[in-house]
Amino acid sequence: MTNEEVLDALEKIKTYCAADLLDKLDCAIAIIEKLEADGIKTPLKTDFTQLAKESK
């Protein structure tokens, strides 16, 4: 599943989300958008341990 598919689903879910959960949903959307902007297209298949080693 790609970030675009997840973002599309989250935006649709936002329509039916309880008001007290909107901030949390917005945070999740922002995280996926950040991953996408940083070039991580499929986060579930990404080895983040390698990324942590590269940033040191």
PDB file of N, CA and C in Angstrom:
ATOM      1  N   MET A   1       0.841  -1.168   0.000  1.00  0.00           N
ATOM      2  CA  MET A   1       0.000   0.000   0.000  1.00  0.00           C
ATOM      3  C   MET A   1       0.894   1.241   0.000  1.00  0.00           C
ATOM      4  N   THR A   2       0.532   2.202  -0.779  1.00  0.00           N
ATOM      5  CA  THR A   2       1.334   3.420  -0.892  1.00  0.00           C
ATOM      6  C   THR A   2       0.780   4.510   0.015  1.00  0.00           C
ATOM      7  N   ASN A   3       1.590   5.534   0.225  1.00  0.00           N
ATOM      8  CA  ASN A   3       1.161   6.684   1.027  1.00  0.00           C
ATOM      9  C   ASN A   3      -0.079   7.333   0.430  1.00  0.00           C
ATOM     10  N   GLU A   4      -0.130   7.422  -0.884  1.00  0.00           N
ATOM     11  CA  GLU A   4      -1.268   8.068  -1.540  1.00  0.00           C
ATOM     12  C   GLU A   4      -2.564   7.333  -1.231  1.00  0.00           C
ATOM     13  N   GLU A   5      -2.518   6.006  -1.222  1.00  0.00           N
ATOM     14  CA  GLU A   5      -3.707   5.213  -0.905  1.00  0.00           C
ATOM     15  C   GLU A   5      -4.132   5.429   0.550  1.00  0.00           C
ATOM     16  N   VAL A   6      -3.154   5.483   1.432  1.00  0.00           N
ATOM     17  CA  VAL A   6      -3.439   5.701   2.854  1.00  0.00           C
ATOM     18  C   VAL A   6      -4.020   7.096   3.074  1.00  0.00           C
ATOM     19  N   LEU A   7      -3.405   8.095   2.454  1.00  0.00           N
ATOM     20  CA  LEU A   7      -3.900   9.470   2.605  1.00  0.00           C
ATOM     21  C   LEU A   7      -5.327   9.603   2.098  1.00  0.00           C
ATOM     22  N   ASP A   8      -5.615   8.970   0.982  1.00  0.00           N
ATOM     23  CA  ASP A   8      -6.965   9.004   0.428  1.00  0.00           C
ATOM     24  C   ASP A   8      -7.958   8.392   1.423  1.00  0.00           C
ATOM     25  N   ALA A   9      -7.607   7.247   1.992  1.00  0.00           N
ATOM     26  CA  ALA A   9      -8.486   6.588   2.962  1.00  0.00           C
ATOM     27  C   ALA A   9      -8.662   7.434   4.217  1.00  0.00           C
ATOM     28  N   LEU A  10      -7.569   8.002   4.723  1.00  0.00           N
ATOM     29  CA  LEU A  10      -7.661   8.816   5.938  1.00  0.00           C
ATOM     30  C   LEU A  10      -8.525  10.054   5.723  1.00  0.00           C
ATOM     31  N   GLU A  11      -8.418  10.661   4.563  1.00  0.00           N
ATOM     32  CA  GLU A  11      -9.247  11.841   4.273  1.00  0.00           C
ATOM     33  C   GLU A  11     -10.729  11.457   4.230  1.00  0.00           C
ATOM     34  N   LYS A  12     -11.034  10.271   3.697  1.00  0.00           N
ATOM     35  CA  LYS A  12     -12.424   9.814   3.668  1.00  0.00           C
ATOM     36  C   LYS A  12     -12.914   9.502   5.082  1.00  0.00           C
ATOM     37  N   ILE A  13     -12.068   8.872   5.888  1.00  0.00           N
ATOM     38  CA  ILE A  13     -12.423   8.551   7.269  1.00  0.00           C
ATOM     39  C   ILE A  13     -12.683   9.826   8.059  1.00  0.00           C
ATOM     40  N   LYS A  14     -11.933  10.873   7.750  1.00  0.00           N
ATOM     41  CA  LYS A  14     -12.054  12.145   8.459  1.00  0.00           C
ATOM     42  C   LYS A  14     -13.494  12.670   8.421  1.00  0.00           C
ATOM     43  N   THR A  15     -14.214  12.377   7.354  1.00  0.00           N
ATOM     44  CA  THR A  15     -15.597  12.808   7.200  1.00  0.00           C
ATOM     45  C   THR A  15     -16.482  12.227   8.302  1.00  0.00           C
ATOM     46  N   TYR A  16     -16.170  11.014   8.731  1.00  0.00           N
ATOM     47  CA  TYR A  16     -17.017  10.315   9.700  1.00  0.00           C
ATOM     48  C   TYR A  16     -16.409  10.247  11.103  1.00  0.00           C
ATOM     49  N   CYS A  17     -15.277  10.882  11.284  1.00  0.00           N
ATOM     50  CA  CYS A  17     -14.528  10.812  12.539  1.00  0.00           C
ATOM     51  C   CYS A  17     -15.195  11.652  13.628  1.00  0.00           C
ATOM     52  N   ALA A  18     -15.130  11.141  14.848  1.00  0.00           N
ATOM     53  CA  ALA A  18     -15.631  11.906  15.989  1.00  0.00           C
ATOM     54  C   ALA A  18     -14.788  13.169  16.162  1.00  0.00           C
ATOM     55  N   ALA A  19     -15.420  14.241  16.552  1.00  0.00           N
ATOM     56  CA  ALA A  19     -14.743  15.537  16.652  1.00  0.00           C
ATOM     57  C   ALA A  19     -13.532  15.497  17.578  1.00  0.00           C
ATOM     58  N   ASP A  20     -13.610  14.719  18.657  1.00  0.00           N
ATOM     59  CA  ASP A  20     -12.495  14.689  19.604  1.00  0.00           C
ATOM     60  C   ASP A  20     -11.302  13.886  19.089  1.00  0.00           C
ATOM     61  N   LEU A  21     -11.452  13.228  17.946  1.00  0.00           N
ATOM     62  CA  LEU A  21     -10.348  12.466  17.359  1.00  0.00           C
ATOM     63  C   LEU A  21      -9.728  13.135  16.136  1.00  0.00           C
ATOM     64  N   LEU A  22     -10.290  14.269  15.728  1.00  0.00           N
ATOM     65  CA  LEU A  22      -9.790  14.937  14.522  1.00  0.00           C
ATOM     66  C   LEU A  22      -8.319  15.338  14.621  1.00  0.00           C
ATOM     67  N   ASP A  23      -7.891  15.835  15.778  1.00  0.00           N
ATOM     68  CA  ASP A  23      -6.486  16.232  15.943  1.00  0.00           C
ATOM     69  C   ASP A  23      -5.559  15.031  15.748  1.00  0.00           C
ATOM     70  N   LYS A  24      -5.952  13.891  16.282  1.00  0.00           N
ATOM     71  CA  LYS A  24      -5.140  12.679  16.158  1.00  0.00           C
ATOM     72  C   LYS A  24      -5.091  12.208  14.715  1.00  0.00           C
ATOM     73  N   LEU A  25      -6.223  12.284  14.025  1.00  0.00           N
ATOM     74  CA  LEU A  25      -6.268  11.896  12.625  1.00  0.00           C
ATOM     75  C   LEU A  25      -5.439  12.854  11.778  1.00  0.00           C
ATOM     76  N   ASP A  26      -5.510  14.146  12.086  1.00  0.00           N
ATOM     77  CA  ASP A  26      -4.696  15.134  11.376  1.00  0.00           C
ATOM     78  C   ASP A  26      -3.205  14.864  11.588  1.00  0.00           C
ATOM     79  N   CYS A  27      -2.839  14.433  12.779  1.00  0.00           N
ATOM     80  CA  CYS A  27      -1.443  14.091  13.066  1.00  0.00           C
ATOM     81  C   CYS A  27      -0.997  12.900  12.209  1.00  0.00           C
ATOM     82  N   ALA A  28      -1.835  11.887  12.124  1.00  0.00           N
ATOM     83  CA  ALA A  28      -1.513  10.715  11.304  1.00  0.00           C
ATOM     84  C   ALA A  28      -1.355  11.104   9.836  1.00  0.00           C
ATOM     85  N   ILE A  29      -2.209  11.972   9.358  1.00  0.00           N
ATOM     86  CA  ILE A  29      -2.127  12.450   7.972  1.00  0.00           C
ATOM     87  C   ILE A  29      -0.826  13.216   7.768  1.00  0.00           C
ATOM     88  N   ALA A  30      -0.469  14.067   8.719  1.00  0.00           N
ATOM     89  CA  ALA A  30       0.773  14.840   8.615  1.00  0.00           C
ATOM     90  C   ALA A  30       1.994  13.925   8.586  1.00  0.00           C
ATOM     91  N   ILE A  31       1.959  12.855   9.364  1.00  0.00           N
ATOM     92  CA  ILE A  31       3.079  11.905   9.379  1.00  0.00           C
ATOM     93  C   ILE A  31       3.230  11.233   8.017  1.00  0.00           C
ATOM     94  N   ILE A  32       2.134  10.775   7.451  1.00  0.00           N
ATOM     95  CA  ILE A  32       2.189  10.121   6.134  1.00  0.00           C
ATOM     96  C   ILE A  32       2.643  11.119   5.076  1.00  0.00           C
ATOM     97  N   GLU A  33       2.167  12.355   5.144  1.00  0.00           N
ATOM     98  CA  GLU A  33       2.601  13.379   4.188  1.00  0.00           C
ATOM     99  C   GLU A  33       4.101  13.643   4.318  1.00  0.00           C
ATOM    100  N   LYS A  34       4.619  13.669   5.534  1.00  0.00           N
ATOM    101  CA  LYS A  34       6.055  13.885   5.767  1.00  0.00           C
ATOM    102  C   LYS A  34       6.871  12.732   5.188  1.00  0.00           C
ATOM    103  N   LEU A  35       6.419  11.505   5.422  1.00  0.00           N
ATOM    104  CA  LEU A  35       7.108  10.349   4.845  1.00  0.00           C
ATOM    105  C   LEU A  35       7.144  10.452   3.322  1.00  0.00           C
ATOM    106  N   GLU A  36       6.024  10.807   2.735  1.00  0.00           N
ATOM    107  CA  GLU A  36       5.938  10.950   1.281  1.00  0.00           C
ATOM    108  C   GLU A  36       6.898  12.034   0.793  1.00  0.00           C
ATOM    109  N   ALA A  37       6.909  13.179   1.482  1.00  0.00           N
ATOM    110  CA  ALA A  37       7.787  14.285   1.089  1.00  0.00           C
ATOM    111  C   ALA A  37       9.260  13.901   1.210  1.00  0.00           C
ATOM    112  N   ASP A  38       9.571  13.020   2.164  1.00  0.00           N
ATOM    113  CA  ASP A  38      10.951  12.577   2.364  1.00  0.00           C
ATOM    114  C   ASP A  38      11.334  11.403   1.462  1.00  0.00           C
ATOM    115  N   GLY A  39      10.431  11.027   0.564  1.00  0.00           N
ATOM    116  CA  GLY A  39      10.750   9.988  -0.411  1.00  0.00           C
ATOM    117  C   GLY A  39      10.485   8.568   0.056  1.00  0.00           C
ATOM    118  N   ILE A  40       9.824   8.415   1.173  1.00  0.00           N
ATOM    119  CA  ILE A  40       9.486   7.077   1.671  1.00  0.00           C
ATOM    120  C   ILE A  40       8.081   6.764   1.168  1.00  0.00           C
ATOM    121  N   LYS A  41       8.016   5.998   0.088  1.00  0.00           N
ATOM    122  CA  LYS A  41       6.754   5.742  -0.596  1.00  0.00           C
ATOM    123  C   LYS A  41       5.952   4.611   0.031  1.00  0.00           C
ATOM    124  N   THR A  42       6.609   3.607   0.591  1.00  0.00           N
ATOM    125  CA  THR A  42       5.934   2.470   1.203  1.00  0.00           C
ATOM    126  C   THR A  42       6.525   2.228   2.594  1.00  0.00           C
ATOM    127  N   PRO A  43       6.047   2.955   3.588  1.00  0.00           N
ATOM    128  CA  PRO A  43       6.648   2.908   4.922  1.00  0.00           C
ATOM    129  C   PRO A  43       6.682   1.513   5.558  1.00  0.00           C
ATOM    130  N   LEU A  44       5.688   0.686   5.284  1.00  0.00           N
ATOM    131  CA  LEU A  44       5.659  -0.639   5.894  1.00  0.00           C
ATOM    132  C   LEU A  44       6.732  -1.563   5.332  1.00  0.00           C
ATOM    133  N   LYS A  45       7.278  -1.207   4.185  1.00  0.00           N
ATOM    134  CA  LYS A  45       8.340  -2.011   3.579  1.00  0.00           C
ATOM    135  C   LYS A  45       9.716  -1.366   3.751  1.00  0.00           C
ATOM    136  N   THR A  46       9.778  -0.232   4.421  1.00  0.00           N
ATOM    137  CA  THR A  46      11.024   0.509   4.597  1.00  0.00           C
ATOM    138  C   THR A  46      11.764   0.032   5.838  1.00  0.00           C
ATOM    139  N   ASP A  47      13.071  -0.161   5.691  1.00  0.00           N
ATOM    140  CA  ASP A  47      13.918  -0.557   6.817  1.00  0.00           C
ATOM    141  C   ASP A  47      14.425   0.710   7.502  1.00  0.00           C
ATOM    142  N   PHE A  48      13.702   1.164   8.507  1.00  0.00           N
ATOM    143  CA  PHE A  48      14.046   2.394   9.195  1.00  0.00           C
ATOM    144  C   PHE A  48      15.319   2.261  10.021  1.00  0.00           C
ATOM    145  N   THR A  49      15.717   1.038  10.345  1.00  0.00           N
ATOM    146  CA  THR A  49      16.966   0.861  11.087  1.00  0.00           C
ATOM    147  C   THR A  49      18.140   1.299  10.234  1.00  0.00           C
ATOM    148  N   GLN A  50      18.073   1.069   8.949  1.00  0.00           N
ATOM    149  CA  GLN A  50      19.128   1.510   8.035  1.00  0.00           C
ATOM    150  C   GLN A  50      19.145   3.039   7.942  1.00  0.00           C
ATOM    151  N   LEU A  51      17.968   3.647   7.919  1.00  0.00           N
ATOM    152  CA  LEU A  51      17.904   5.108   7.853  1.00  0.00           C
ATOM    153  C   LEU A  51      18.503   5.734   9.099  1.00  0.00           C
ATOM    154  N   ALA A  52      18.281   5.147  10.246  1.00  0.00           N
ATOM    155  CA  ALA A  52      18.832   5.663  11.501  1.00  0.00           C
ATOM    156  C   ALA A  52      20.353   5.598  11.481  1.00  0.00           C
ATOM    157  N   LYS A  53      20.911   4.533  10.927  1.00  0.00           N
ATOM    158  CA  LYS A  53      22.369   4.387  10.849  1.00  0.00           C
ATOM    159  C   LYS A  53      22.978   5.405   9.890  1.00  0.00           C
ATOM    160  N   GLU A  54      22.270   5.696   8.794  1.00  0.00           N
ATOM    161  CA  GLU A  54      22.764   6.639   7.786  1.00  0.00           C
ATOM    162  C   GLU A  54      22.791   8.065   8.332  1.00  0.00           C
ATOM    163  N   SER A  55      21.891   8.390   9.247  1.00  0.00           N
ATOM    164  CA  SER A  55      21.795   9.771   9.732  1.00  0.00           C
ATOM    165  C   SER A  55      22.828  10.085  10.815  1.00  0.00           C
ATOM    166  N   LYS A  56      23.545   9.076  11.297  1.00  0.00           N
ATOM    167  CA  LYS A  56      24.537   9.313  12.349  1.00  0.00           C
ATOM    168  C   LYS A  56      25.833   9.810  11.814  1.00  0.00           C
TER     169      LYS A  56
END
